Amino acid sequence: MNGIKNQVLTEKTIRLLRNNQYTSDVGPGSSKTEIKNWIERFFSVRVKSMNSHRLPGEGRGRRLTETASNCKRMIITPQPGYSIPLFLSE
């Protein structure tokens, strides 16, 4: 599955790890249902909730109001008792 690009490790996402919430970048065409089903199958966890938002893109041309985003960011909360192992991308 090419839906999940990589896990995000920033100061905020490390704070979210304490609450058993994991953050990943996913493809722009991926839906919450697709990502949820894939995570439940691949990591053998039950997903409690998911939040998503699009990252701001870079400005194009003279006007910076025209932006295009090339990925979406998902915050995944598994049910209590489950966890997702961290993986590093190269």
N, C-alpha and C. Protein backbone atom coordinates (compact mmCIF):
# COMPACT_ATOMS: atom_id res chain seq x y z
N MET A 1 0.85 -1.19 0.00
CA MET A 1 0.00 0.00 0.00
C MET A 1 0.88 1.23 0.00
N ASN A 2 0.63 2.12 -0.91
CA ASN A 2 1.41 3.34 -1.02
C ASN A 2 0.73 4.50 -0.32
N GLY A 3 -0.32 4.24 0.45
CA GLY A 3 -1.07 5.30 1.11
C GLY A 3 -0.28 6.04 2.16
N ILE A 4 0.44 5.33 3.01
CA ILE A 4 1.19 5.96 4.07
C ILE A 4 2.60 6.24 3.57
N LYS A 5 2.99 7.51 3.60
CA LYS A 5 4.32 7.88 3.12
C LYS A 5 5.37 7.70 4.21
N ASN A 6 5.16 8.33 5.36
CA ASN A 6 6.10 8.20 6.47
C ASN A 6 5.46 8.68 7.76
N GLN A 7 6.06 8.29 8.87
CA GLN A 7 5.60 8.79 10.16
C GLN A 7 6.30 10.11 10.43
N VAL A 8 5.61 10.98 11.13
CA VAL A 8 6.12 12.31 11.40
C VAL A 8 6.61 12.36 12.84
N LEU A 9 7.83 12.80 13.04
CA LEU A 9 8.38 12.98 14.38
C LEU A 9 8.80 14.43 14.56
N THR A 10 7.94 15.20 15.19
CA THR A 10 8.23 16.58 15.54
C THR A 10 7.99 16.73 17.04
N GLU A 11 8.20 17.92 17.52
CA GLU A 11 8.00 18.16 18.95
C GLU A 11 6.54 17.89 19.35
N LYS A 12 5.62 18.33 18.52
CA LYS A 12 4.20 18.13 18.83
C LYS A 12 3.82 16.65 18.74
N THR A 13 4.30 15.95 17.72
CA THR A 13 3.91 14.55 17.56
C THR A 13 4.52 13.68 18.65
N ILE A 14 5.66 14.07 19.18
CA ILE A 14 6.24 13.32 20.30
C ILE A 14 5.37 13.50 21.54
N ARG A 15 4.80 14.70 21.72
CA ARG A 15 3.86 14.91 22.83
C ARG A 15 2.61 14.07 22.63
N LEU A 16 2.16 13.93 21.38
CA LEU A 16 0.97 13.13 21.10
C LEU A 16 1.22 11.65 21.37
N LEU A 17 2.47 11.19 21.23
CA LEU A 17 2.79 9.78 21.50
C LEU A 17 2.49 9.41 22.95
N ARG A 18 2.59 10.36 23.86
CA ARG A 18 2.27 10.10 25.27
C ARG A 18 0.79 9.78 25.45
N ASN A 19 -0.05 10.30 24.54
CA ASN A 19 -1.49 10.04 24.59
C ASN A 19 -1.88 8.89 23.67
N ASN A 20 -0.90 8.11 23.21
CA ASN A 20 -1.12 6.98 22.31
C ASN A 20 -1.74 7.44 20.98
N GLN A 21 -1.23 8.57 20.44
CA GLN A 21 -1.66 9.08 19.15
C GLN A 21 -0.45 9.11 18.23
N TYR A 22 -0.62 8.63 17.00
CA TYR A 22 0.47 8.51 16.04
C TYR A 22 0.16 9.36 14.83
N THR A 23 1.18 10.03 14.30
CA THR A 23 1.00 10.95 13.18
C THR A 23 1.76 10.44 11.97
N SER A 24 1.09 10.43 10.81
CA SER A 24 1.69 9.97 9.57
C SER A 24 1.27 10.86 8.42
N ASP A 25 2.14 10.98 7.43
CA ASP A 25 1.79 11.63 6.18
C ASP A 25 1.24 10.56 5.25
N VAL A 26 0.15 10.89 4.56
CA VAL A 26 -0.47 9.95 3.63
C VAL A 26 -0.65 10.65 2.29
N GLY A 27 -0.96 9.88 1.27
CA GLY A 27 -1.18 10.44 -0.06
C GLY A 27 -2.39 11.34 -0.10
N PRO A 28 -2.41 12.32 -1.00
CA PRO A 28 -3.52 13.28 -1.03
C PRO A 28 -4.85 12.66 -1.44
N GLY A 29 -4.84 11.54 -2.15
CA GLY A 29 -6.09 10.92 -2.58
C GLY A 29 -6.60 9.86 -1.64
N SER A 30 -5.91 9.62 -0.53
CA SER A 30 -6.31 8.57 0.41
C SER A 30 -7.45 9.05 1.29
N SER A 31 -8.41 8.17 1.52
CA SER A 31 -9.52 8.51 2.41
C SER A 31 -9.26 7.93 3.80
N LYS A 32 -10.01 8.43 4.77
CA LYS A 32 -9.86 7.94 6.14
C LYS A 32 -10.18 6.45 6.23
N THR A 33 -11.19 6.02 5.50
CA THR A 33 -11.60 4.62 5.54
C THR A 33 -10.50 3.71 5.00
N GLU A 34 -9.88 4.11 3.89
CA GLU A 34 -8.79 3.30 3.33
C GLU A 34 -7.63 3.19 4.30
N ILE A 35 -7.22 4.31 4.87
CA ILE A 35 -6.08 4.31 5.79
C ILE A 35 -6.42 3.52 7.04
N LYS A 36 -7.63 3.68 7.56
CA LYS A 36 -8.04 2.95 8.76
C LYS A 36 -8.00 1.44 8.51
N ASN A 37 -8.57 0.98 7.40
CA ASN A 37 -8.56 -0.45 7.09
C ASN A 37 -7.14 -0.97 6.92
N TRP A 38 -6.30 -0.20 6.25
CA TRP A 38 -4.93 -0.63 6.02
C TRP A 38 -4.15 -0.74 7.34
N ILE A 39 -4.31 0.24 8.22
CA ILE A 39 -3.59 0.23 9.50
C ILE A 39 -4.08 -0.93 10.37
N GLU A 40 -5.38 -1.16 10.39
CA GLU A 40 -5.90 -2.26 11.20
C GLU A 40 -5.40 -3.61 10.70
N ARG A 41 -5.27 -3.79 9.39
CA ARG A 41 -4.76 -5.05 8.85
C ARG A 41 -3.26 -5.20 9.03
N PHE A 42 -2.51 -4.15 8.70
CA PHE A 42 -1.05 -4.24 8.69
C PHE A 42 -0.47 -4.31 10.10
N PHE A 43 -0.97 -3.49 11.03
CA PHE A 43 -0.42 -3.43 12.39
C PHE A 43 -1.21 -4.25 13.40
N SER A 44 -2.30 -4.89 13.00
CA SER A 44 -3.15 -5.69 13.88
C SER A 44 -3.61 -4.89 15.10
N VAL A 45 -4.13 -3.70 14.86
CA VAL A 45 -4.66 -2.85 15.93
C VAL A 45 -6.09 -2.47 15.59
N ARG A 46 -6.83 -1.98 16.56
CA ARG A 46 -8.16 -1.44 16.36
C ARG A 46 -8.04 0.08 16.47
N VAL A 47 -8.52 0.80 15.47
CA VAL A 47 -8.42 2.25 15.44
C VAL A 47 -9.66 2.84 16.11
N LYS A 48 -9.42 3.71 17.09
CA LYS A 48 -10.50 4.37 17.81
C LYS A 48 -10.96 5.61 17.04
N SER A 49 -10.02 6.45 16.61
CA SER A 49 -10.39 7.65 15.87
C SER A 49 -9.23 8.09 14.98
N MET A 50 -9.59 8.92 14.00
CA MET A 50 -8.60 9.47 13.09
C MET A 50 -8.97 10.92 12.79
N ASN A 51 -7.97 11.78 12.76
CA ASN A 51 -8.14 13.16 12.36
C ASN A 51 -7.21 13.42 11.19
N SER A 52 -7.61 14.26 10.27
CA SER A 52 -6.76 14.54 9.12
C SER A 52 -6.82 16.02 8.78
N HIS A 53 -5.74 16.50 8.19
CA HIS A 53 -5.72 17.85 7.64
C HIS A 53 -4.70 17.90 6.51
N ARG A 54 -4.93 18.81 5.59
CA ARG A 54 -4.01 18.99 4.47
C ARG A 54 -2.93 19.98 4.87
N LEU A 55 -1.72 19.68 4.46
CA LEU A 55 -0.61 20.57 4.73
C LEU A 55 -0.62 21.71 3.72
N PRO A 56 -0.20 22.90 4.12
CA PRO A 56 -0.16 23.98 3.14
C PRO A 56 0.89 23.71 2.08
N GLY A 57 0.56 24.04 0.86
CA GLY A 57 1.49 23.82 -0.25
C GLY A 57 2.34 25.05 -0.49
N GLU A 58 3.20 24.95 -1.46
CA GLU A 58 4.03 26.09 -1.83
C GLU A 58 3.29 26.96 -2.82
N GLY A 59 3.56 28.26 -2.78
CA GLY A 59 2.92 29.19 -3.70
C GLY A 59 3.40 28.97 -5.12
N ARG A 60 2.52 29.23 -6.06
CA ARG A 60 2.86 29.07 -7.47
C ARG A 60 2.73 30.42 -8.16
N GLY A 61 3.67 30.73 -8.98
CA GLY A 61 3.59 31.96 -9.75
C GLY A 61 3.75 33.18 -8.89
N ARG A 62 3.13 34.26 -9.33
CA ARG A 62 3.27 35.53 -8.62
C ARG A 62 2.40 35.61 -7.38
N ARG A 63 1.28 34.94 -7.44
CA ARG A 63 0.36 35.02 -6.29
C ARG A 63 0.57 33.82 -5.39
N LEU A 64 0.79 34.09 -4.13
CA LEU A 64 1.02 33.02 -3.18
C LEU A 64 -0.28 32.41 -2.67
N THR A 65 -1.42 32.95 -3.12
CA THR A 65 -2.69 32.39 -2.68
C THR A 65 -3.00 31.08 -3.38
N GLU A 66 -2.41 30.87 -4.55
CA GLU A 66 -2.62 29.62 -5.27
C GLU A 66 -1.64 28.58 -4.75
N THR A 67 -2.12 27.65 -3.98
CA THR A 67 -1.23 26.65 -3.40
C THR A 67 -1.71 25.26 -3.76
N ALA A 68 -0.79 24.34 -3.76
CA ALA A 68 -1.12 22.94 -4.02
C ALA A 68 -0.43 22.09 -2.97
N SER A 69 -1.17 21.24 -2.33
CA SER A 69 -0.61 20.37 -1.32
C SER A 69 -0.38 18.99 -1.92
N ASN A 70 0.75 18.39 -1.56
CA ASN A 70 1.04 17.07 -2.11
C ASN A 70 0.89 15.96 -1.08
N CYS A 71 0.42 16.28 0.12
CA CYS A 71 0.16 15.22 1.09
C CYS A 71 -0.83 15.69 2.16
N LYS A 72 -1.35 14.72 2.86
CA LYS A 72 -2.28 14.92 3.95
C LYS A 72 -1.63 14.36 5.21
N ARG A 73 -1.95 14.89 6.36
CA ARG A 73 -1.41 14.38 7.61
C ARG A 73 -2.54 13.79 8.44
N MET A 74 -2.33 12.57 8.95
CA MET A 74 -3.34 11.88 9.74
C MET A 74 -2.83 11.68 11.16
N ILE A 75 -3.70 11.92 12.12
CA ILE A 75 -3.42 11.61 13.52
C ILE A 75 -4.30 10.42 13.87
N ILE A 76 -3.68 9.31 14.20
CA ILE A 76 -4.37 8.04 14.41
C ILE A 76 -4.34 7.70 15.89
N THR A 77 -5.51 7.42 16.47
CA THR A 77 -5.61 7.03 17.86
C THR A 77 -6.12 5.60 17.94
N PRO A 78 -5.26 4.64 18.32
CA PRO A 78 -5.75 3.26 18.48
C PRO A 78 -6.52 3.12 19.78
N GLN A 79 -7.31 2.07 19.87
CA GLN A 79 -8.06 1.80 21.09
C GLN A 79 -7.10 1.46 22.22
N PRO A 80 -7.53 1.66 23.47
CA PRO A 80 -6.65 1.35 24.60
C PRO A 80 -6.15 -0.09 24.55
N GLY A 81 -4.88 -0.27 24.87
CA GLY A 81 -4.27 -1.59 24.85
C GLY A 81 -3.54 -1.90 23.56
N TYR A 82 -3.71 -1.08 22.53
CA TYR A 82 -3.04 -1.28 21.25
C TYR A 82 -2.00 -0.18 21.05
N SER A 83 -0.97 -0.50 20.27
CA SER A 83 0.02 0.51 19.91
C SER A 83 0.56 0.20 18.52
N ILE A 84 1.07 1.23 17.87
CA ILE A 84 1.64 1.09 16.53
C ILE A 84 3.15 1.27 16.67
N PRO A 85 3.95 0.32 16.17
CA PRO A 85 5.40 0.49 16.27
C PRO A 85 5.89 1.61 15.37
N LEU A 86 6.89 2.33 15.84
CA LEU A 86 7.47 3.39 15.04
C LEU A 86 8.37 2.79 13.98
N PHE A 87 8.34 3.34 12.79
CA PHE A 87 9.24 2.90 11.74
C PHE A 87 9.93 4.11 11.15
N LEU A 88 11.15 3.92 10.71
CA LEU A 88 11.94 5.00 10.16
C LEU A 88 11.98 4.87 8.65
N SER A 89 11.81 5.99 7.96
CA SER A 89 11.91 5.96 6.51
C SER A 89 13.22 6.60 6.09
N GLU A 90 13.74 6.13 5.00
CA GLU A 90 15.02 6.64 4.53
C GLU A 90 14.83 7.53 3.34
